[in-house]
Protein backbone atom coordinates (compact mmCIF):
# COMPACT_ATOMS: atom_id res chain seq x y z
CA MET A 1 -13.13 13.24 -8.23
CA SER A 2 -16.53 14.38 -7.00
CA GLY A 3 -16.56 15.47 -3.36
CA ALA A 4 -14.06 14.64 -0.68
CA PRO A 5 -13.36 10.94 -0.11
CA GLN A 6 -14.35 9.39 3.23
CA LEU A 7 -10.95 8.71 4.81
CA THR A 8 -12.07 6.43 7.65
CA ARG A 9 -9.39 3.73 7.80
CA ALA A 10 -6.09 4.18 9.63
CA LEU A 11 -3.26 2.64 7.58
CA VAL A 12 0.36 2.56 8.72
CA LEU A 13 2.83 3.29 5.91
CA GLU A 14 5.87 0.99 6.19
CA SER A 15 9.19 1.07 4.37
CA PRO A 16 11.55 -1.90 3.90
CA VAL A 17 14.80 -2.01 5.88
CA THR A 18 17.63 -4.54 5.68
CA LEU A 19 18.43 -6.24 8.99
CA PRO A 20 21.11 -8.79 9.93
CA ASP A 21 19.67 -12.31 10.35
CA GLY A 22 22.23 -13.41 12.95
CA ALA A 23 23.79 -15.98 10.61
CA GLY A 24 25.84 -13.65 8.42
CA GLY A 25 23.01 -12.80 6.03
CA PHE A 26 20.22 -10.28 5.90
CA VAL A 27 16.43 -10.24 6.04
CA THR A 28 13.92 -7.55 5.12
CA GLY A 29 12.16 -5.86 8.03
CA TRP A 30 9.56 -3.08 7.94
CA GLN A 31 9.89 0.34 9.55
CA PRO A 32 6.69 2.32 10.27
CA LEU A 33 6.75 5.84 8.82
CA GLY A 34 3.40 7.13 10.09
CA THR A 35 -0.34 6.70 9.89
CA HIS A 36 -2.50 7.82 6.97
CA TRP A 37 -6.28 8.08 7.03
CA ALA A 38 -7.53 6.45 3.85
CA ALA A 39 -10.42 4.99 1.89
CA ILE A 40 -10.08 1.53 0.33
CA ARG A 41 -12.09 0.43 -2.69
CA ALA A 42 -11.85 -2.79 -4.66
CA GLY A 43 -10.68 -2.39 -8.24
CA GLY A 44 -10.39 -4.89 -11.04
CA GLY A 45 -9.78 -8.54 -10.40
CA ARG A 46 -8.43 -11.46 -12.36
CA GLU A 47 -7.75 -15.15 -12.04
CA ARG A 48 -4.40 -16.72 -12.80
CA LEU A 49 -3.06 -20.22 -12.65
CA ALA A 50 -0.80 -20.82 -9.64
CA THR A 51 1.14 -23.90 -8.55
CA LEU A 52 -1.81 -25.39 -6.67
CA GLY A 53 -4.57 -24.27 -9.05
CA PRO A 54 -6.44 -21.04 -9.82
CA LEU A 55 -5.64 -17.98 -7.72
CA GLY A 56 -7.82 -14.87 -7.60
CA GLU A 57 -6.22 -11.43 -7.44
CA VAL A 58 -7.99 -8.15 -6.71
CA ARG A 59 -6.34 -4.77 -7.08
CA LEU A 60 -7.32 -2.15 -4.51
CA ARG A 61 -7.57 1.62 -4.82
CA ILE A 62 -6.38 3.33 -1.65
CA THR A 63 -7.15 7.06 -1.50
CA LEU A 64 -5.36 9.33 0.98
CA ARG A 65 -4.32 12.95 1.44
CA ALA A 66 -1.43 13.96 -0.80
CA ALA A 67 2.12 14.62 0.35
CA PRO A 68 4.78 16.42 -1.72
CA HIS A 69 7.25 14.47 -3.88
CA GLY A 70 10.32 13.59 -1.81
CA SER A 71 8.43 13.64 1.50
CA ASP A 72 8.69 10.58 3.77
CA ARG A 73 4.89 10.75 4.04
CA ARG A 74 4.39 10.19 0.30
CA PRO A 75 3.92 6.47 -0.43
CA ARG A 76 6.17 4.72 -2.99
CA PRO A 77 5.81 1.41 -4.86
CA ASP A 78 8.51 -0.30 -2.75
CA GLN A 79 6.47 0.32 0.42
CA ARG A 80 3.31 -1.11 1.94
CA PHE A 81 0.37 -0.20 4.16
CA ARG A 82 -0.61 -2.20 7.23
CA GLU A 83 -4.03 -2.28 8.89
CA GLY A 84 -3.73 -4.62 11.88
CA VAL A 85 -2.69 -7.97 10.38
CA ARG A 86 -3.70 -6.96 6.84
CA ILE A 87 -0.90 -5.93 4.48
CA PHE A 88 -1.37 -3.93 1.27
CA ARG A 89 1.66 -3.90 -1.08
CA ILE A 90 1.81 -0.61 -3.01
CA LEU A 91 2.11 -1.14 -6.77
CA ALA A 92 1.68 2.43 -8.09
CA VAL A 93 0.97 5.97 -6.83
CA ALA A 94 -0.77 8.78 -8.75
CA GLU A 95 -2.50 12.08 -8.04
CA ALA A 96 -6.26 11.64 -7.74
CA ASP A 97 -7.25 15.18 -8.65
CA ALA A 98 -5.90 18.13 -10.66
CA GLN A 99 -5.35 20.18 -7.49
CA GLY A 100 -3.08 17.50 -5.98
CA ARG A 101 -5.08 17.18 -2.76
CA TYR A 102 -5.33 13.38 -2.81
CA LEU A 103 -3.30 10.39 -3.97
CA ILE A 104 -4.52 7.05 -5.25
CA CYS A 105 -2.34 4.04 -4.49
CA THR A 106 -2.96 0.89 -6.49
CA ALA A 107 -2.27 -1.97 -4.10
CA GLN A 108 -2.45 -5.74 -3.74
CA GLU A 109 -3.43 -7.36 -0.44
CA GLU A 110 -0.88 -9.93 0.71
CA THR A 111 -1.42 -12.94 2.89
CA PRO A 112 1.05 -12.94 5.79
CA ALA A 113 3.42 -15.90 5.82
């Protein structure tokens, strides 16, 4: 990685929590864990056939400051980032540099239901 990334976007890291739905079942809710300053860059895209026709998918590369393994501040693939109404589902997390200063999260933007 050449130079420090421009971490100019505030993303809230959220973790799934199971909540009662009031009818004897459960629903998934999201608990905020904190804000990360990040950079978002489009990665590779592809088209796939969905129920109603072609659907485009673009993977995103989200770069942020690293956190140690086991820390609540370190993103995991079962979590997501939120930026206002935009939601980015985390697919994978890896170190961006040999010194471990930054992480790269591969993510997929989701359309809220």
